[in-house]
N, C-alpha and C. Protein backbone atom coordinates (compact mmCIF):
# COMPACT_ATOMS: atom_id res chain seq x y z
N MET A 1 60.52 13.00 -59.35
CA MET A 1 60.16 11.81 -58.61
C MET A 1 58.64 11.66 -58.73
N PRO A 2 58.17 10.50 -59.10
CA PRO A 2 56.73 10.29 -59.22
C PRO A 2 56.03 10.51 -57.87
N PRO A 3 54.84 11.09 -57.89
CA PRO A 3 54.13 11.36 -56.64
C PRO A 3 53.90 10.12 -55.77
N TRP A 4 53.62 8.97 -56.39
CA TRP A 4 53.38 7.77 -55.59
C TRP A 4 54.65 7.32 -54.88
N PHE A 5 55.81 7.50 -55.54
CA PHE A 5 57.08 7.12 -54.91
C PHE A 5 57.45 8.11 -53.81
N ARG A 6 57.23 9.40 -54.09
CA ARG A 6 57.53 10.44 -53.10
C ARG A 6 56.72 10.20 -51.81
N GLY A 7 55.46 9.84 -51.96
CA GLY A 7 54.63 9.56 -50.79
C GLY A 7 55.14 8.38 -49.98
N GLY A 8 55.54 7.33 -50.69
CA GLY A 8 56.09 6.16 -50.01
C GLY A 8 57.41 6.46 -49.32
N LEU A 9 58.26 7.22 -50.00
CA LEU A 9 59.55 7.58 -49.42
C LEU A 9 59.37 8.43 -48.17
N ARG A 10 58.46 9.39 -48.23
CA ARG A 10 58.23 10.25 -47.05
C ARG A 10 57.63 9.47 -45.89
N ALA A 11 56.78 8.51 -46.18
CA ALA A 11 56.23 7.67 -45.12
C ALA A 11 57.34 6.83 -44.48
N TRP A 12 58.24 6.32 -45.30
CA TRP A 12 59.35 5.53 -44.80
C TRP A 12 60.28 6.40 -43.95
N LEU A 13 60.61 7.60 -44.42
CA LEU A 13 61.47 8.51 -43.67
C LEU A 13 60.84 8.92 -42.33
N ALA A 14 59.53 9.06 -42.31
CA ALA A 14 58.84 9.45 -41.08
C ALA A 14 59.03 8.41 -39.97
N GLN A 15 59.24 7.16 -40.34
CA GLN A 15 59.48 6.12 -39.34
C GLN A 15 60.78 6.35 -38.59
N PHE A 16 61.68 7.13 -39.18
CA PHE A 16 62.98 7.43 -38.56
C PHE A 16 63.05 8.87 -38.07
N HIS A 17 61.87 9.52 -37.97
CA HIS A 17 61.76 10.90 -37.49
C HIS A 17 62.54 11.87 -38.38
N VAL A 18 62.49 11.63 -39.69
CA VAL A 18 63.13 12.50 -40.67
C VAL A 18 62.05 13.29 -41.38
N ASP A 19 62.20 14.61 -41.40
CA ASP A 19 61.24 15.48 -42.06
C ASP A 19 61.90 16.15 -43.27
N PRO A 20 61.46 15.84 -44.48
CA PRO A 20 62.00 16.52 -45.65
C PRO A 20 61.71 18.02 -45.56
N ARG A 21 62.65 18.82 -45.97
CA ARG A 21 62.51 20.28 -45.88
C ARG A 21 62.51 20.87 -47.28
N ASP A 22 61.34 20.89 -47.89
CA ASP A 22 61.22 21.39 -49.24
C ASP A 22 61.47 22.89 -49.33
N GLY A 23 61.19 23.62 -48.26
CA GLY A 23 61.35 25.07 -48.27
C GLY A 23 62.69 25.55 -47.78
N LEU A 24 63.68 24.67 -47.69
CA LEU A 24 64.98 25.05 -47.15
C LEU A 24 65.68 26.10 -48.02
N ALA A 25 65.55 26.01 -49.32
CA ALA A 25 66.18 27.01 -50.21
C ALA A 25 65.61 28.40 -49.93
N ASP A 26 64.31 28.49 -49.70
CA ASP A 26 63.68 29.78 -49.38
C ASP A 26 64.17 30.31 -48.04
N GLU A 27 64.35 29.42 -47.08
CA GLU A 27 64.86 29.85 -45.77
C GLU A 27 66.28 30.39 -45.89
N PHE A 28 67.10 29.72 -46.68
CA PHE A 28 68.47 30.20 -46.89
C PHE A 28 68.47 31.56 -47.58
N ALA A 29 67.59 31.75 -48.54
CA ALA A 29 67.50 33.04 -49.23
C ALA A 29 67.11 34.14 -48.25
N ALA A 30 66.22 33.83 -47.30
CA ALA A 30 65.82 34.81 -46.30
C ALA A 30 66.95 35.13 -45.33
N LEU A 31 67.80 34.16 -45.05
CA LEU A 31 68.92 34.35 -44.12
C LEU A 31 70.16 34.93 -44.79
N GLU A 32 70.14 35.06 -46.09
CA GLU A 32 71.34 35.42 -46.82
C GLU A 32 71.96 36.72 -46.34
N GLY A 33 71.21 37.74 -46.10
CA GLY A 33 71.79 39.00 -45.65
C GLY A 33 72.42 38.92 -44.27
N ARG A 34 71.83 38.13 -43.39
CA ARG A 34 72.33 38.02 -42.01
C ARG A 34 73.53 37.08 -41.88
N LEU A 35 73.56 36.03 -42.68
CA LEU A 35 74.63 35.05 -42.57
C LEU A 35 75.78 35.30 -43.54
N GLY A 36 75.55 36.12 -44.51
CA GLY A 36 76.55 36.37 -45.55
C GLY A 36 75.92 36.15 -46.91
N THR A 37 76.73 35.79 -47.87
CA THR A 37 76.27 35.58 -49.23
C THR A 37 76.13 34.09 -49.50
N LEU A 38 74.99 33.71 -50.03
CA LEU A 38 74.77 32.32 -50.39
C LEU A 38 75.55 32.04 -51.68
N ARG A 39 76.61 31.28 -51.59
CA ARG A 39 77.48 31.03 -52.73
C ARG A 39 77.02 29.83 -53.57
N ALA A 40 76.42 28.85 -52.91
CA ALA A 40 76.00 27.66 -53.65
C ALA A 40 74.84 27.00 -52.92
N PHE A 41 73.91 26.50 -53.67
CA PHE A 41 72.83 25.67 -53.12
C PHE A 41 72.57 24.57 -54.13
N GLU A 42 72.74 23.33 -53.70
CA GLU A 42 72.57 22.18 -54.59
C GLU A 42 71.67 21.15 -53.94
N ARG A 43 71.02 20.38 -54.79
CA ARG A 43 70.21 19.25 -54.33
C ARG A 43 70.70 17.99 -55.04
N PRO A 44 71.79 17.40 -54.53
CA PRO A 44 72.32 16.20 -55.18
C PRO A 44 71.42 14.98 -54.93
N TYR A 45 71.70 13.95 -55.67
CA TYR A 45 70.97 12.67 -55.53
C TYR A 45 69.48 12.85 -55.78
N ARG A 46 69.18 13.61 -56.83
CA ARG A 46 67.78 13.85 -57.23
C ARG A 46 66.95 14.46 -56.11
N GLY A 47 67.55 15.35 -55.35
CA GLY A 47 66.83 16.05 -54.31
C GLY A 47 66.82 15.37 -52.96
N TYR A 48 67.51 14.24 -52.84
CA TYR A 48 67.52 13.52 -51.56
C TYR A 48 68.26 14.30 -50.49
N ALA A 49 69.32 14.99 -50.87
CA ALA A 49 70.11 15.78 -49.93
C ALA A 49 70.08 17.25 -50.36
N GLN A 50 70.50 18.12 -49.46
CA GLN A 50 70.60 19.54 -49.79
C GLN A 50 71.93 20.05 -49.23
N TYR A 51 72.59 20.87 -50.03
CA TYR A 51 73.93 21.34 -49.68
C TYR A 51 73.97 22.85 -49.94
N ALA A 52 74.41 23.61 -48.94
CA ALA A 52 74.50 25.06 -49.09
C ALA A 52 75.85 25.55 -48.57
N VAL A 53 76.36 26.60 -49.23
CA VAL A 53 77.62 27.22 -48.81
C VAL A 53 77.37 28.72 -48.70
N PHE A 54 77.69 29.26 -47.52
CA PHE A 54 77.60 30.71 -47.29
C PHE A 54 79.01 31.26 -47.17
N ARG A 55 79.17 32.50 -47.59
CA ARG A 55 80.43 33.21 -47.39
C ARG A 55 80.11 34.45 -46.58
N ARG A 56 80.87 34.64 -45.50
CA ARG A 56 80.66 35.81 -44.65
C ARG A 56 81.03 37.07 -45.40
N ALA A 57 80.26 38.10 -45.13
CA ALA A 57 80.52 39.38 -45.82
C ALA A 57 81.69 40.11 -45.24
């Protein structure tokens, strides 16, 4: 995503109290041992959404 578009999109999302979480994959990796095994992590729609699946150990 071009930086100028990303900035505009984030400004627009902020009007609705939405905070993009760029570090969410790192947070899931840190929680992996406590929550189970991270089976899948995807960013569909060119990174607009984030989807994770954990499996309990």
